């Protein structure tokens, strides 16, 4: 990721869509999955919080190795490391943990 010419290696609109999918659709999909299998209470809240955590570097390594949109995933990883703190805190307080 350090070899990218800029932090934003894709269009701004694509980056915004990726961020929305990661931090809004991800926890929503996790909530729907938990409700489908009957998970309730504290475990339900913890599962949603885990869906807001950053994705890590391993997906980028695989994307780079197999040359499947590594620049796009690199942008996602960079923003995924910067943004989760305020969003995670918001989910934390909304869920009442």
PDB file of N, CA and C in Angstrom:
ATOM      1  N   UNK A   1       0.816  -1.183   0.000  1.00  0.00           N
ATOM      2  CA  UNK A   1       0.000   0.000   0.000  1.00  0.00           C
ATOM      3  C   UNK A   1       0.863   1.252   0.000  1.00  0.00           C
ATOM      4  N   UNK A   2       2.056   1.145   0.553  1.00  0.00           N
ATOM      5  CA  UNK A   2       2.940   2.304   0.590  1.00  0.00           C
ATOM      6  C   UNK A   2       3.439   2.666  -0.799  1.00  0.00           C
ATOM      7  N   UNK A   3       3.387   1.742  -1.746  1.00  0.00           N
ATOM      8  CA  UNK A   3       3.861   2.027  -3.095  1.00  0.00           C
ATOM      9  C   UNK A   3       2.816   2.740  -3.955  1.00  0.00           C
ATOM     10  N   UNK A   4       1.610   2.917  -3.435  1.00  0.00           N
ATOM     11  CA  UNK A   4       0.581   3.633  -4.178  1.00  0.00           C
ATOM     12  C   UNK A   4       0.965   5.101  -4.292  1.00  0.00           C
ATOM     13  N   UNK A   5       0.677   5.737  -5.433  1.00  0.00           N
ATOM     14  CA  UNK A   5       1.044   7.140  -5.599  1.00  0.00           C
ATOM     15  C   UNK A   5       0.265   8.084  -4.688  1.00  0.00           C
ATOM     16  N   UNK A   6      -0.947   7.718  -4.297  1.00  0.00           N
ATOM     17  CA  UNK A   6      -1.721   8.543  -3.375  1.00  0.00           C
ATOM     18  C   UNK A   6      -2.550   7.639  -2.466  1.00  0.00           C
ATOM     19  N   UNK A   7      -3.070   8.223  -1.404  1.00  0.00           N
ATOM     20  CA  UNK A   7      -3.886   7.443  -0.475  1.00  0.00           C
ATOM     21  C   UNK A   7      -5.155   6.970  -1.157  1.00  0.00           C
ATOM     22  N   UNK A   8      -5.749   7.841  -1.957  1.00  0.00           N
ATOM     23  CA  UNK A   8      -6.988   7.511  -2.651  1.00  0.00           C
ATOM     24  C   UNK A   8      -6.631   7.019  -4.046  1.00  0.00           C
ATOM     25  N   UNK A   9      -6.578   5.693  -4.210  1.00  0.00           N
ATOM     26  CA  UNK A   9      -6.157   5.104  -5.474  1.00  0.00           C
ATOM     27  C   UNK A   9      -7.314   4.845  -6.420  1.00  0.00           C
ATOM     28  N   UNK A  10      -8.491   5.307  -6.067  1.00  0.00           N
ATOM     29  CA  UNK A  10      -9.660   5.134  -6.925  1.00  0.00           C
ATOM     30  C   UNK A  10     -10.458   6.434  -6.892  1.00  0.00           C
ATOM     31  N   UNK A  11     -11.596   6.433  -7.570  1.00  0.00           N
ATOM     32  CA  UNK A  11     -12.427   7.622  -7.578  1.00  0.00           C
ATOM     33  C   UNK A  11     -13.000   7.867  -6.184  1.00  0.00           C
ATOM     34  N   UNK A  12     -13.291   9.121  -5.884  1.00  0.00           N
ATOM     35  CA  UNK A  12     -13.848   9.473  -4.589  1.00  0.00           C
ATOM     36  C   UNK A  12     -15.191   8.791  -4.369  1.00  0.00           C
ATOM     37  N   UNK A  13     -16.009   8.742  -5.411  1.00  0.00           N
ATOM     38  CA  UNK A  13     -17.325   8.121  -5.295  1.00  0.00           C
ATOM     39  C   UNK A  13     -17.197   6.629  -4.968  1.00  0.00           C
ATOM     40  N   UNK A  14     -16.251   5.955  -5.578  1.00  0.00           N
ATOM     41  CA  UNK A  14     -16.033   4.528  -5.300  1.00  0.00           C
ATOM     42  C   UNK A  14     -15.586   4.326  -3.856  1.00  0.00           C
ATOM     43  N   UNK A  15     -14.720   5.208  -3.362  1.00  0.00           N
ATOM     44  CA  UNK A  15     -14.257   5.106  -1.978  1.00  0.00           C
ATOM     45  C   UNK A  15     -15.403   5.328  -1.000  1.00  0.00           C
ATOM     46  N   UNK A  16     -16.272   6.282  -1.291  1.00  0.00           N
ATOM     47  CA  UNK A  16     -17.416   6.553  -0.414  1.00  0.00           C
ATOM     48  C   UNK A  16     -18.367   5.362  -0.392  1.00  0.00           C
ATOM     49  N   UNK A  17     -18.622   4.771  -1.543  1.00  0.00           N
ATOM     50  CA  UNK A  17     -19.488   3.583  -1.604  1.00  0.00           C
ATOM     51  C   UNK A  17     -18.882   2.441  -0.793  1.00  0.00           C
ATOM     52  N   UNK A  18     -17.572   2.239  -0.903  1.00  0.00           N
ATOM     53  CA  UNK A  18     -16.906   1.183  -0.152  1.00  0.00           C
ATOM     54  C   UNK A  18     -17.002   1.428   1.349  1.00  0.00           C
ATOM     55  N   UNK A  19     -16.840   2.675   1.769  1.00  0.00           N
ATOM     56  CA  UNK A  19     -16.926   3.006   3.189  1.00  0.00           C
ATOM     57  C   UNK A  19     -18.341   2.781   3.708  1.00  0.00           C
ATOM     58  N   UNK A  20     -19.334   3.205   2.934  1.00  0.00           N
ATOM     59  CA  UNK A  20     -20.729   3.000   3.345  1.00  0.00           C
ATOM     60  C   UNK A  20     -21.042   1.512   3.448  1.00  0.00           C
ATOM     61  N   UNK A  21     -20.589   0.737   2.478  1.00  0.00           N
ATOM     62  CA  UNK A  21     -20.833  -0.698   2.521  1.00  0.00           C
ATOM     63  C   UNK A  21     -20.164  -1.339   3.736  1.00  0.00           C
ATOM     64  N   UNK A  22     -18.957  -0.899   4.056  1.00  0.00           N
ATOM     65  CA  UNK A  22     -18.232  -1.493   5.173  1.00  0.00           C
ATOM     66  C   UNK A  22     -18.848  -1.137   6.516  1.00  0.00           C
ATOM     67  N   UNK A  23     -19.201   0.125   6.717  1.00  0.00           N
ATOM     68  CA  UNK A  23     -19.598   0.577   8.036  1.00  0.00           C
ATOM     69  C   UNK A  23     -21.102   0.699   8.254  1.00  0.00           C
ATOM     70  N   UNK A  24     -21.908   0.637   7.212  1.00  0.00           N
ATOM     71  CA  UNK A  24     -23.358   0.678   7.367  1.00  0.00           C
ATOM     72  C   UNK A  24     -23.952  -0.680   6.990  1.00  0.00           C
ATOM     73  N   UNK A  25     -23.651  -1.136   5.778  1.00  0.00           N
ATOM     74  CA  UNK A  25     -24.229  -2.399   5.313  1.00  0.00           C
ATOM     75  C   UNK A  25     -23.631  -3.601   6.049  1.00  0.00           C
ATOM     76  N   UNK A  26     -22.361  -3.526   6.416  1.00  0.00           N
ATOM     77  CA  UNK A  26     -21.722  -4.629   7.134  1.00  0.00           C
ATOM     78  C   UNK A  26     -22.400  -4.941   8.464  1.00  0.00           C
ATOM     79  N   UNK A  27     -22.529  -3.949   9.366  1.00  0.00           N
ATOM     80  CA  UNK A  27     -23.248  -4.204  10.616  1.00  0.00           C
ATOM     81  C   UNK A  27     -24.726  -4.558  10.408  1.00  0.00           C
ATOM     82  N   UNK A  28     -25.357  -3.978   9.386  1.00  0.00           N
ATOM     83  CA  UNK A  28     -26.760  -4.326   9.113  1.00  0.00           C
ATOM     84  C   UNK A  28     -26.885  -5.781   8.681  1.00  0.00           C
ATOM     85  N   UNK A  29     -25.970  -6.232   7.838  1.00  0.00           N
ATOM     86  CA  UNK A  29     -25.972  -7.632   7.414  1.00  0.00           C
ATOM     87  C   UNK A  29     -25.669  -8.557   8.591  1.00  0.00           C
ATOM     88  N   UNK A  30     -24.769  -8.136   9.458  1.00  0.00           N
ATOM     89  CA  UNK A  30     -24.465  -8.926  10.653  1.00  0.00           C
ATOM     90  C   UNK A  30     -25.684  -9.005  11.565  1.00  0.00           C
ATOM     91  N   UNK A  31     -26.401  -7.901  11.735  1.00  0.00           N
ATOM     92  CA  UNK A  31     -27.609  -7.897  12.567  1.00  0.00           C
ATOM     93  C   UNK A  31     -28.669  -8.831  11.985  1.00  0.00           C
ATOM     94  N   UNK A  32     -28.865  -8.779  10.671  1.00  0.00           N
ATOM     95  CA  UNK A  32     -29.848  -9.656  10.030  1.00  0.00           C
ATOM     96  C   UNK A  32     -29.453 -11.122  10.188  1.00  0.00           C
ATOM     97  N   UNK A  33     -28.160 -11.409  10.042  1.00  0.00           N
ATOM     98  CA  UNK A  33     -27.688 -12.796  10.203  1.00  0.00           C
ATOM     99  C   UNK A  33     -27.878 -13.279  11.637  1.00  0.00           C
ATOM    100  N   UNK A  34     -27.585 -12.423  12.598  1.00  0.00           N
ATOM    101  CA  UNK A  34     -27.756 -12.798  14.006  1.00  0.00           C
ATOM    102  C   UNK A  34     -29.221 -13.048  14.333  1.00  0.00           C
ATOM    103  N   UNK A  35     -30.089 -12.192  13.829  1.00  0.00           N
ATOM    104  CA  UNK A  35     -31.515 -12.382  14.072  1.00  0.00           C
ATOM    105  C   UNK A  35     -32.019 -13.662  13.402  1.00  0.00           C
ATOM    106  N   UNK A  36     -31.474 -13.990  12.244  1.00  0.00           N
ATOM    107  CA  UNK A  36     -31.901 -15.192  11.525  1.00  0.00           C
ATOM    108  C   UNK A  36     -31.548 -16.468  12.275  1.00  0.00           C
ATOM    109  N   UNK A  37     -30.416 -16.457  12.970  1.00  0.00           N
ATOM    110  CA  UNK A  37     -30.029 -17.665  13.710  1.00  0.00           C
ATOM    111  C   UNK A  37     -30.458 -17.611  15.179  1.00  0.00           C
ATOM    112  N   UNK A  38     -31.095 -16.517  15.592  1.00  0.00           N
ATOM    113  CA  UNK A  38     -31.625 -16.414  16.945  1.00  0.00           C
ATOM    114  C   UNK A  38     -30.661 -15.890  17.982  1.00  0.00           C
ATOM    115  N   UNK A  39     -29.629 -15.201  17.579  1.00  0.00           N
ATOM    116  CA  UNK A  39     -28.654 -14.645  18.512  1.00  0.00           C
ATOM    117  C   UNK A  39     -29.215 -13.352  19.098  1.00  0.00           C
ATOM    118  N   UNK A  40     -29.246 -13.265  20.418  1.00  0.00           N
ATOM    119  CA  UNK A  40     -29.812 -12.101  21.091  1.00  0.00           C
ATOM    120  C   UNK A  40     -28.881 -11.648  22.223  1.00  0.00           C
ATOM    121  N   UNK A  41     -29.184 -10.520  22.816  1.00  0.00           N
ATOM    122  CA  UNK A  41     -28.483 -10.045  24.012  1.00  0.00           C
ATOM    123  C   UNK A  41     -27.102  -9.492  23.714  1.00  0.00           C
ATOM    124  N   UNK A  42     -26.187  -9.742  24.651  1.00  0.00           N
ATOM    125  CA  UNK A  42     -24.833  -9.202  24.557  1.00  0.00           C
ATOM    126  C   UNK A  42     -24.081  -9.749  23.349  1.00  0.00           C
ATOM    127  N   UNK A  43     -24.264 -11.025  23.043  1.00  0.00           N
ATOM    128  CA  UNK A  43     -23.569 -11.600  21.884  1.00  0.00           C
ATOM    129  C   UNK A  43     -24.007 -10.928  20.588  1.00  0.00           C
ATOM    130  N   UNK A  44     -25.268 -10.561  20.505  1.00  0.00           N
ATOM    131  CA  UNK A  44     -25.781  -9.834  19.342  1.00  0.00           C
ATOM    132  C   UNK A  44     -25.057  -8.492  19.190  1.00  0.00           C
ATOM    133  N   UNK A  45     -24.921  -7.780  20.297  1.00  0.00           N
ATOM    134  CA  UNK A  45     -24.253  -6.472  20.273  1.00  0.00           C
ATOM    135  C   UNK A  45     -22.766  -6.602  19.942  1.00  0.00           C
ATOM    136  N   UNK A  46     -22.125  -7.622  20.501  1.00  0.00           N
ATOM    137  CA  UNK A  46     -20.698  -7.836  20.239  1.00  0.00           C
ATOM    138  C   UNK A  46     -20.475  -8.189  18.771  1.00  0.00           C
ATOM    139  N   UNK A  47     -21.366  -8.985  18.198  1.00  0.00           N
ATOM    140  CA  UNK A  47     -21.236  -9.361  16.783  1.00  0.00           C
ATOM    141  C   UNK A  47     -21.335  -8.121  15.886  1.00  0.00           C
ATOM    142  N   UNK A  48     -22.240  -7.215  16.214  1.00  0.00           N
ATOM    143  CA  UNK A  48     -22.367  -5.983  15.429  1.00  0.00           C
ATOM    144  C   UNK A  48     -21.123  -5.121  15.587  1.00  0.00           C
ATOM    145  N   UNK A  49     -20.579  -5.043  16.800  1.00  0.00           N
ATOM    146  CA  UNK A  49     -19.346  -4.269  17.018  1.00  0.00           C
ATOM    147  C   UNK A  49     -18.191  -4.871  16.225  1.00  0.00           C
ATOM    148  N   UNK A  50     -18.110  -6.194  16.147  1.00  0.00           N
ATOM    149  CA  UNK A  50     -17.037  -6.825  15.387  1.00  0.00           C
ATOM    150  C   UNK A  50     -17.161  -6.543  13.898  1.00  0.00           C
ATOM    151  N   UNK A  51     -18.369  -6.333  13.426  1.00  0.00           N
ATOM    152  CA  UNK A  51     -18.565  -6.015  12.009  1.00  0.00           C
ATOM    153  C   UNK A  51     -18.055  -4.620  11.677  1.00  0.00           C
ATOM    154  N   UNK A  52     -17.875  -3.758  12.673  1.00  0.00           N
ATOM    155  CA  UNK A  52     -17.365  -2.405  12.413  1.00  0.00           C
ATOM    156  C   UNK A  52     -15.842  -2.328  12.497  1.00  0.00           C
ATOM    157  N   UNK A  53     -15.192  -3.398  12.928  1.00  0.00           N
ATOM    158  CA  UNK A  53     -13.728  -3.372  13.074  1.00  0.00           C
ATOM    159  C   UNK A  53     -13.034  -3.357  11.718  1.00  0.00           C
ATOM    160  N   UNK A  54     -11.796  -2.852  11.662  1.00  0.00           N
ATOM    161  CA  UNK A  54     -11.065  -2.816  10.392  1.00  0.00           C
ATOM    162  C   UNK A  54     -10.804  -4.217   9.852  1.00  0.00           C
ATOM    163  N   UNK A  55     -10.659  -4.295   8.520  1.00  0.00           N
ATOM    164  CA  UNK A  55     -10.517  -5.596   7.884  1.00  0.00           C
ATOM    165  C   UNK A  55      -9.110  -6.163   7.968  1.00  0.00           C
ATOM    166  N   UNK A  56      -8.118  -5.373   8.209  1.00  0.00           N
ATOM    167  CA  UNK A  56      -6.759  -5.874   8.312  1.00  0.00           C
ATOM    168  C   UNK A  56      -6.031  -5.870   6.976  1.00  0.00           C
ATOM    169  N   UNK A  57      -4.837  -6.392   6.978  1.00  0.00           N
ATOM    170  CA  UNK A  57      -3.953  -6.301   5.825  1.00  0.00           C
ATOM    171  C   UNK A  57      -3.971  -7.556   4.958  1.00  0.00           C
ATOM    172  N   UNK A  58      -4.406  -8.683   5.493  1.00  0.00           N
ATOM    173  CA  UNK A  58      -4.352  -9.947   4.751  1.00  0.00           C
ATOM    174  C   UNK A  58      -5.146  -9.898   3.439  1.00  0.00           C
ATOM    175  N   UNK A  59      -6.353  -9.331   3.407  1.00  0.00           N
ATOM    176  CA  UNK A  59      -7.053  -9.256   2.114  1.00  0.00           C
ATOM    177  C   UNK A  59      -6.265  -8.478   1.057  1.00  0.00           C
ATOM    178  N   UNK A  60      -5.549  -7.422   1.495  1.00  0.00           N
ATOM    179  CA  UNK A  60      -4.730  -6.668   0.542  1.00  0.00           C
ATOM    180  C   UNK A  60      -3.585  -7.521   0.009  1.00  0.00           C
ATOM    181  N   UNK A  61      -2.972  -8.306   0.869  1.00  0.00           N
ATOM    182  CA  UNK A  61      -1.861  -9.170   0.439  1.00  0.00           C
ATOM    183  C   UNK A  61      -2.339 -10.147  -0.630  1.00  0.00           C
ATOM    184  N   UNK A  62      -3.500 -10.757  -0.417  1.00  0.00           N
ATOM    185  CA  UNK A  62      -4.040 -11.681  -1.423  1.00  0.00           C
ATOM    186  C   UNK A  62      -4.409 -10.956  -2.708  1.00  0.00           C
ATOM    187  N   UNK A  63      -4.990  -9.756  -2.595  1.00  0.00           N
ATOM    188  CA  UNK A  63      -5.347  -8.991  -3.792  1.00  0.00           C
ATOM    189  C   UNK A  63      -4.097  -8.619  -4.581  1.00  0.00           C
ATOM    190  N   UNK A  64      -3.032  -8.260  -3.894  1.00  0.00           N
ATOM    191  CA  UNK A  64      -1.775  -7.918  -4.557  1.00  0.00           C
ATOM    192  C   UNK A  64      -1.156  -9.155  -5.210  1.00  0.00           C
ATOM    193  N   UNK A  65      -1.186 -10.280  -4.514  1.00  0.00           N
ATOM    194  CA  UNK A  65      -0.584 -11.507  -5.033  1.00  0.00           C
ATOM    195  C   UNK A  65      -1.304 -11.991  -6.286  1.00  0.00           C
ATOM    196  N   UNK A  66      -2.628 -11.923  -6.282  1.00  0.00           N
ATOM    197  CA  UNK A  66      -3.401 -12.415  -7.413  1.00  0.00           C
ATOM    198  C   UNK A  66      -3.826 -11.313  -8.378  1.00  0.00           C
ATOM    199  N   UNK A  67      -3.365 -10.095  -8.128  1.00  0.00           N
ATOM    200  CA  UNK A  67      -3.614  -8.929  -8.985  1.00  0.00           C
ATOM    201  C   UNK A  67      -5.112  -8.721  -9.244  1.00  0.00           C
ATOM    202  N   UNK A  68      -5.876  -8.683  -8.157  1.00  0.00           N
ATOM    203  CA  UNK A  68      -7.317  -8.456  -8.234  1.00  0.00           C
ATOM    204  C   UNK A  68      -7.625  -7.147  -7.501  1.00  0.00           C
ATOM    205  N   UNK A  69      -7.560  -6.048  -8.225  1.00  0.00           N
ATOM    206  CA  UNK A  69      -7.854  -4.700  -7.715  1.00  0.00           C
ATOM    207  C   UNK A  69      -7.093  -4.367  -6.432  1.00  0.00           C
ATOM    208  N   UNK A  70      -5.768  -4.513  -6.408  1.00  0.00           N
ATOM    209  CA  UNK A  70      -5.039  -4.205  -5.175  1.00  0.00           C
ATOM    210  C   UNK A  70      -5.094  -2.731  -4.785  1.00  0.00           C
ATOM    211  N   UNK A  71      -5.155  -1.825  -5.761  1.00  0.00           N
ATOM    212  CA  UNK A  71      -5.211  -0.399  -5.426  1.00  0.00           C
ATOM    213  C   UNK A  71      -6.527  -0.058  -4.732  1.00  0.00           C
ATOM    214  N   UNK A  72      -7.604  -0.607  -5.231  1.00  0.00           N
ATOM    215  CA  UNK A  72      -8.908  -0.353  -4.620  1.00  0.00           C
ATOM    216  C   UNK A  72      -8.966  -0.916  -3.203  1.00  0.00           C
ATOM    217  N   UNK A  73      -8.479  -2.120  -3.024  1.00  0.00           N
ATOM    218  CA  UNK A  73      -8.488  -2.722  -1.696  1.00  0.00           C
ATOM    219  C   UNK A  73      -7.519  -2.003  -0.764  1.00  0.00           C
ATOM    220  N   UNK A  74      -6.410  -1.525  -1.291  1.00  0.00           N
ATOM    221  CA  UNK A  74      -5.478  -0.748  -0.479  1.00  0.00           C
ATOM    222  C   UNK A  74      -6.122   0.520   0.049  1.00  0.00           C
ATOM    223  N   UNK A  75      -6.897   1.186  -0.797  1.00  0.00           N
ATOM    224  CA  UNK A  75      -7.626   2.371  -0.351  1.00  0.00           C
ATOM    225  C   UNK A  75      -8.614   2.002   0.742  1.00  0.00           C
ATOM    226  N   UNK A  76      -9.304   0.872   0.561  1.00  0.00           N
ATOM    227  CA  UNK A  76     -10.255   0.418   1.573  1.00  0.00           C
ATOM    228  C   UNK A  76      -9.590   0.106   2.897  1.00  0.00           C
ATOM    229  N   UNK A  77      -8.421  -0.504   2.848  1.00  0.00           N
ATOM    230  CA  UNK A  77      -7.700  -0.826   4.078  1.00  0.00           C
ATOM    231  C   UNK A  77      -7.236   0.448   4.777  1.00  0.00           C
ATOM    232  N   UNK A  78      -6.716   1.413   4.020  1.00  0.00           N
ATOM    233  CA  UNK A  78      -6.241   2.658   4.627  1.00  0.00           C
ATOM    234  C   UNK A  78      -7.385   3.396   5.312  1.00  0.00           C
ATOM    235  N   UNK A  79      -8.492   3.588   4.594  1.00  0.00           N
ATOM    236  CA  UNK A  79      -9.631   4.272   5.204  1.00  0.00           C
ATOM    237  C   UNK A  79     -10.272   3.409   6.284  1.00  0.00           C
ATOM    238  N   UNK A  80     -10.201   2.106   6.115  1.00  0.00           N
ATOM    239  CA  UNK A  80     -10.746   1.202   7.119  1.00  0.00           C
ATOM    240  C   UNK A  80      -9.991   1.246   8.433  1.00  0.00           C
ATOM    241  N   UNK A  81      -8.756   1.685   8.391  1.00  0.00           N
ATOM    242  CA  UNK A  81      -7.979   1.842   9.618  1.00  0.00           C
ATOM    243  C   UNK A  81      -8.193   3.215  10.253  1.00  0.00           C
ATOM    244  N   UNK A  82      -8.521   4.226   9.462  1.00  0.00           N
ATOM    245  CA  UNK A  82      -8.676   5.583   9.975  1.00  0.00           C
ATOM    246  C   UNK A  82     -10.072   5.864  10.532  1.00  0.00           C
ATOM    247  N   UNK A  83     -11.088   5.304   9.915  1.00  0.00           N
ATOM    248  CA  UNK A  83     -12.460   5.670  10.226  1.00  0.00           C
ATOM    249  C   UNK A  83     -13.104   4.858  11.352  1.00  0.00           C
ATOM    250  N   UNK A  84     -12.704   3.623  11.649  1.00  0.00           N
ATOM    251  CA  UNK A  84     -13.464   2.808  12.607  1.00  0.00           C
ATOM    252  C   UNK A  84     -13.573   3.364  14.018  1.00  0.00           C
ATOM    253  N   UNK A  85     -12.636   4.159  14.469  1.00  0.00           N
ATOM    254  CA  UNK A  85     -12.712   4.634  15.851  1.00  0.00           C
ATOM    255  C   UNK A  85     -13.972   5.455  16.104  1.00  0.00           C
ATOM    256  N   UNK A  86     -14.229   6.534  15.358  1.00  0.00           N
ATOM    257  CA  UNK A  86     -15.462   7.274  15.655  1.00  0.00           C
ATOM    258  C   UNK A  86     -16.729   6.475  15.337  1.00  0.00           C
ATOM    259  N   UNK A  87     -16.703   5.679  14.275  1.00  0.00           N
ATOM    260  CA  UNK A  87     -17.887   4.888  13.925  1.00  0.00           C
ATOM    261  C   UNK A  87     -18.097   3.779  14.951  1.00  0.00           C
ATOM    262  N   UNK A  88     -17.025   3.141  15.375  1.00  0.00           N
ATOM    263  CA  UNK A  88     -17.140   2.107  16.407  1.00  0.00           C
ATOM    264  C   UNK A  88     -17.663   2.659  17.716  1.00  0.00           C
ATOM    265  N   UNK A  89     -17.199   3.852  18.089  1.00  0.00           N
ATOM    266  CA  UNK A  89     -17.721   4.488  19.300  1.00  0.00           C
ATOM    267  C   UNK A  89     -19.197   4.820  19.169  1.00  0.00           C
ATOM    268  N   UNK A  90     -19.609   5.267  17.992  1.00  0.00           N
ATOM    269  CA  UNK A  90     -21.028   5.570  17.761  1.00  0.00           C
ATOM    270  C   UNK A  90     -21.870   4.316  17.912  1.00  0.00           C
ATOM    271  N   UNK A  91     -21.449   3.209  17.294  1.00  0.00           N
ATOM    272  CA  UNK A  91     -22.179   1.948  17.452  1.00  0.00           C
ATOM    273  C   UNK A  91     -22.169   1.487  18.911  1.00  0.00           C
ATOM    274  N   UNK A  92     -21.055   1.672  19.582  1.00  0.00           N
ATOM    275  CA  UNK A  92     -20.936   1.273  20.993  1.00  0.00           C
ATOM    276  C   UNK A  92     -21.978   1.975  21.837  1.00  0.00           C
ATOM    277  N   UNK A  93     -22.098   3.281  21.657  1.00  0.00           N
ATOM    278  CA  UNK A  93     -23.068   4.036  22.452  1.00  0.00           C
ATOM    279  C   UNK A  93     -24.500   3.764  22.008  1.00  0.00           C
ATOM    280  N   UNK A  94     -24.724   3.562  20.711  1.00  0.00           N
ATOM    281  CA  UNK A  94     -26.071   3.245  20.232  1.00  0.00           C
ATOM    282  C   UNK A  94     -26.566   1.898  20.743  1.00  0.00           C
ATOM    283  N   UNK A  95     -25.651   0.941  20.846  1.00  0.00           N
ATOM    284  CA  UNK A  95     -26.021  -0.393  21.327  1.00  0.00           C
ATOM    285  C   UNK A  95     -26.089  -0.471  22.846  1.00  0.00           C
ATOM    286  N   UNK A  96     -25.575   0.548  23.522  1.00  0.00           N
ATOM    287  CA  UNK A  96     -25.629   0.572  24.968  1.00  0.00           C
ATOM    288  C   UNK A  96     -24.714  -0.426  25.646  1.00  0.00           C
ATOM    289  N   UNK A  97     -23.569  -0.676  25.040  1.00  0.00           N
ATOM    290  CA  UNK A  97     -22.607  -1.603  25.660  1.00  0.00           C
ATOM    291  C   UNK A  97     -21.883  -0.850  26.716  1.00  0.00           C
TER     292      UNK A  97
END
